[in-house]
Amino acid sequence: MGLMRYLRTPLDLPLLFFVVSALIGVWASYDRAASWAKFGLIVAALAIFYAVVLLRAGPQLLEPFVWLFLIGSAALAVYSIGDCVKVQKINEAVKSGYYAAMDL
């Protein structure tokens, strides 16, 4: 419970209600993929908020957030590179470029 006493803010309960309402919004959404992406942005913003709270409490408490940020950034980079280098996407781009050149 040592870390939790540093993370207590007056905004804890409103932020909890906001996250719960966002989860309900994801459930009720017609486009769940887009909703999960927006929910991820909300969670990232909350992580930054609590990282700032920890930084004010003491810089030594910030290390877990820094490691989480680094690991998350590396995972996102690997995912993005893997998404861009799919063979099917490259083939589609080559074909569309070829057909566009033939229409000239």
C-alpha atoms as a PDB file:
ATOM      1  CA  MET A   1       0.000   0.000   0.000  1.00  0.00           C
ATOM      2  CA  GLY A   2       3.056   2.230   0.019  1.00  0.00           C
ATOM      3  CA  LEU A   3       2.755   3.352  -3.590  1.00  0.00           C
ATOM      4  CA  MET A   4      -0.987   4.006  -3.329  1.00  0.00           C
ATOM      5  CA  ARG A   5      -0.578   6.707  -0.691  1.00  0.00           C
ATOM      6  CA  TYR A   6       1.516   8.690  -3.192  1.00  0.00           C
ATOM      7  CA  LEU A   7      -1.081   8.257  -5.938  1.00  0.00           C
ATOM      8  CA  ARG A   8      -4.099   9.569  -4.014  1.00  0.00           C
ATOM      9  CA  THR A   9      -5.584  12.679  -5.630  1.00  0.00           C
ATOM     10  CA  PRO A  10      -8.961  14.413  -5.377  1.00  0.00           C
ATOM     11  CA  LEU A  11      -9.609  13.322  -8.971  1.00  0.00           C
ATOM     12  CA  ASP A  12      -9.432   9.566  -8.318  1.00  0.00           C
ATOM     13  CA  LEU A  13     -13.168   8.954  -8.038  1.00  0.00           C
ATOM     14  CA  PRO A  14     -14.192  11.167 -11.008  1.00  0.00           C
ATOM     15  CA  LEU A  15     -11.493   9.540 -13.151  1.00  0.00           C
ATOM     16  CA  LEU A  16     -12.717   6.086 -12.132  1.00  0.00           C
ATOM     17  CA  PHE A  17     -16.265   7.023 -13.158  1.00  0.00           C
ATOM     18  CA  PHE A  18     -14.924   8.402 -16.431  1.00  0.00           C
ATOM     19  CA  VAL A  19     -13.044   5.172 -17.215  1.00  0.00           C
ATOM     20  CA  VAL A  20     -16.110   3.081 -16.369  1.00  0.00           C
ATOM     21  CA  SER A  21     -18.274   5.250 -18.639  1.00  0.00           C
ATOM     22  CA  ALA A  22     -15.664   4.917 -21.391  1.00  0.00           C
ATOM     23  CA  LEU A  23     -15.795   1.128 -21.050  1.00  0.00           C
ATOM     24  CA  ILE A  24     -19.581   1.263 -21.322  1.00  0.00           C
ATOM     25  CA  GLY A  25     -19.120   3.422 -24.410  1.00  0.00           C
ATOM     26  CA  VAL A  26     -16.824   0.806 -25.941  1.00  0.00           C
ATOM     27  CA  TRP A  27     -19.426  -1.861 -25.240  1.00  0.00           C
ATOM     28  CA  ALA A  28     -22.209   0.234 -26.816  1.00  0.00           C
ATOM     29  CA  SER A  29     -20.176   1.376 -29.805  1.00  0.00           C
ATOM     30  CA  TYR A  30     -20.954   0.279 -33.348  1.00  0.00           C
ATOM     31  CA  ASP A  31     -17.226   0.375 -34.230  1.00  0.00           C
ATOM     32  CA  ARG A  32     -15.453  -1.405 -31.393  1.00  0.00           C
ATOM     33  CA  ALA A  33     -12.001  -1.272 -33.006  1.00  0.00           C
ATOM     34  CA  ALA A  34     -12.067   2.516 -33.129  1.00  0.00           C
ATOM     35  CA  SER A  35     -13.528   2.656 -29.629  1.00  0.00           C
ATOM     36  CA  TRP A  36     -10.751   0.491 -28.190  1.00  0.00           C
ATOM     37  CA  ALA A  37      -8.197   2.793 -29.820  1.00  0.00           C
ATOM     38  CA  LYS A  38      -9.792   5.832 -28.189  1.00  0.00           C
ATOM     39  CA  PHE A  39     -10.015   3.981 -24.870  1.00  0.00           C
ATOM     40  CA  GLY A  40      -6.282   3.291 -25.158  1.00  0.00           C
ATOM     41  CA  LEU A  41      -5.697   7.022 -25.497  1.00  0.00           C
ATOM     42  CA  ILE A  42      -7.699   7.632 -22.328  1.00  0.00           C
ATOM     43  CA  VAL A  43      -5.662   5.033 -20.432  1.00  0.00           C
ATOM     44  CA  ALA A  44      -2.416   6.535 -21.748  1.00  0.00           C
ATOM     45  CA  ALA A  45      -3.513   9.997 -20.614  1.00  0.00           C
ATOM     46  CA  LEU A  46      -4.303   8.625 -17.163  1.00  0.00           C
ATOM     47  CA  ALA A  47      -0.883   6.966 -17.012  1.00  0.00           C
ATOM     48  CA  ILE A  48       0.760  10.297 -17.834  1.00  0.00           C
ATOM     49  CA  PHE A  49      -1.356  12.026 -15.179  1.00  0.00           C
ATOM     50  CA  TYR A  50      -0.322   9.553 -12.501  1.00  0.00           C
ATOM     51  CA  ALA A  51       3.307   9.701 -13.657  1.00  0.00           C
ATOM     52  CA  VAL A  52       3.238  13.448 -13.026  1.00  0.00           C
ATOM     53  CA  VAL A  53       1.685  12.807  -9.602  1.00  0.00           C
ATOM     54  CA  LEU A  54       4.487  10.347  -8.843  1.00  0.00           C
ATOM     55  CA  LEU A  55       7.114  12.787 -10.079  1.00  0.00           C
ATOM     56  CA  ARG A  56       5.853  15.368  -7.613  1.00  0.00           C
ATOM     57  CA  ALA A  57       5.907  12.765  -4.803  1.00  0.00           C
ATOM     58  CA  GLY A  58       9.485  11.741  -5.536  1.00  0.00           C
ATOM     59  CA  PRO A  59      11.536  11.047  -8.659  1.00  0.00           C
ATOM     60  CA  GLN A  60      12.564   7.575  -7.429  1.00  0.00           C
ATOM     61  CA  LEU A  61       8.924   6.446  -7.701  1.00  0.00           C
ATOM     62  CA  LEU A  62       8.786   7.313 -11.389  1.00  0.00           C
ATOM     63  CA  GLU A  63      11.023   4.434 -12.535  1.00  0.00           C
ATOM     64  CA  PRO A  64       8.220   1.841 -13.019  1.00  0.00           C
ATOM     65  CA  PHE A  65       6.327   4.275 -15.264  1.00  0.00           C
ATOM     66  CA  VAL A  66       9.442   4.993 -17.293  1.00  0.00           C
ATOM     67  CA  TRP A  67      10.024   1.274 -17.867  1.00  0.00           C
ATOM     68  CA  LEU A  68       6.380   0.742 -18.771  1.00  0.00           C
ATOM     69  CA  PHE A  69       6.562   3.629 -21.236  1.00  0.00           C
ATOM     70  CA  LEU A  70       9.742   2.260 -22.834  1.00  0.00           C
ATOM     71  CA  ILE A  71       8.374  -1.272 -23.149  1.00  0.00           C
ATOM     72  CA  GLY A  72       5.058   0.006 -24.524  1.00  0.00           C
ATOM     73  CA  SER A  73       6.830   2.227 -27.051  1.00  0.00           C
ATOM     74  CA  ALA A  74       9.015  -0.645 -28.230  1.00  0.00           C
ATOM     75  CA  ALA A  75       5.986  -2.936 -28.579  1.00  0.00           C
ATOM     76  CA  LEU A  76       4.119  -0.288 -30.562  1.00  0.00           C
ATOM     77  CA  ALA A  77       7.126   0.205 -32.847  1.00  0.00           C
ATOM     78  CA  VAL A  78       7.416  -3.528 -33.523  1.00  0.00           C
ATOM     79  CA  TYR A  79       3.673  -3.766 -34.196  1.00  0.00           C
ATOM     80  CA  SER A  80       3.755  -0.758 -36.545  1.00  0.00           C
ATOM     81  CA  ILE A  81       6.717  -2.077 -38.511  1.00  0.00           C
ATOM     82  CA  GLY A  82       5.066  -5.483 -38.759  1.00  0.00           C
ATOM     83  CA  ASP A  83       1.840  -3.890 -39.973  1.00  0.00           C
ATOM     84  CA  CYS A  84       3.615  -1.846 -42.657  1.00  0.00           C
ATOM     85  CA  VAL A  85       5.732  -4.683 -44.016  1.00  0.00           C
ATOM     86  CA  LYS A  86       2.935  -7.111 -44.827  1.00  0.00           C
ATOM     87  CA  VAL A  87       3.443  -8.740 -48.212  1.00  0.00           C
ATOM     88  CA  GLN A  88      -0.192  -8.321 -49.224  1.00  0.00           C
ATOM     89  CA  LYS A  89      -0.075  -4.556 -48.651  1.00  0.00           C
ATOM     90  CA  ILE A  90       3.109  -4.263 -50.703  1.00  0.00           C
ATOM     91  CA  ASN A  91       1.568  -6.286 -53.547  1.00  0.00           C
ATOM     92  CA  GLU A  92      -1.572  -4.134 -53.522  1.00  0.00           C
ATOM     93  CA  ALA A  93       0.503  -0.958 -53.629  1.00  0.00           C
ATOM     94  CA  VAL A  94       2.580  -2.252 -56.536  1.00  0.00           C
ATOM     95  CA  LYS A  95      -0.528  -3.326 -58.466  1.00  0.00           C
ATOM     96  CA  SER A  96      -2.321  -0.028 -57.900  1.00  0.00           C
ATOM     97  CA  GLY A  97       0.791   1.870 -58.984  1.00  0.00           C
ATOM     98  CA  TYR A  98       1.074  -0.303 -62.073  1.00  0.00           C
ATOM     99  CA  TYR A  99      -2.564   0.200 -63.022  1.00  0.00           C
ATOM    100  CA  ALA A 100      -2.294   3.943 -62.407  1.00  0.00           C
ATOM    101  CA  ALA A 101       0.739   4.097 -64.714  1.00  0.00           C
ATOM    102  CA  MET A 102      -1.084   2.122 -67.412  1.00  0.00           C
ATOM    103  CA  ASP A 103      -3.990   4.587 -67.356  1.00  0.00           C
ATOM    104  CA  LEU A 104      -1.726   7.482 -68.332  1.00  0.00           C
END
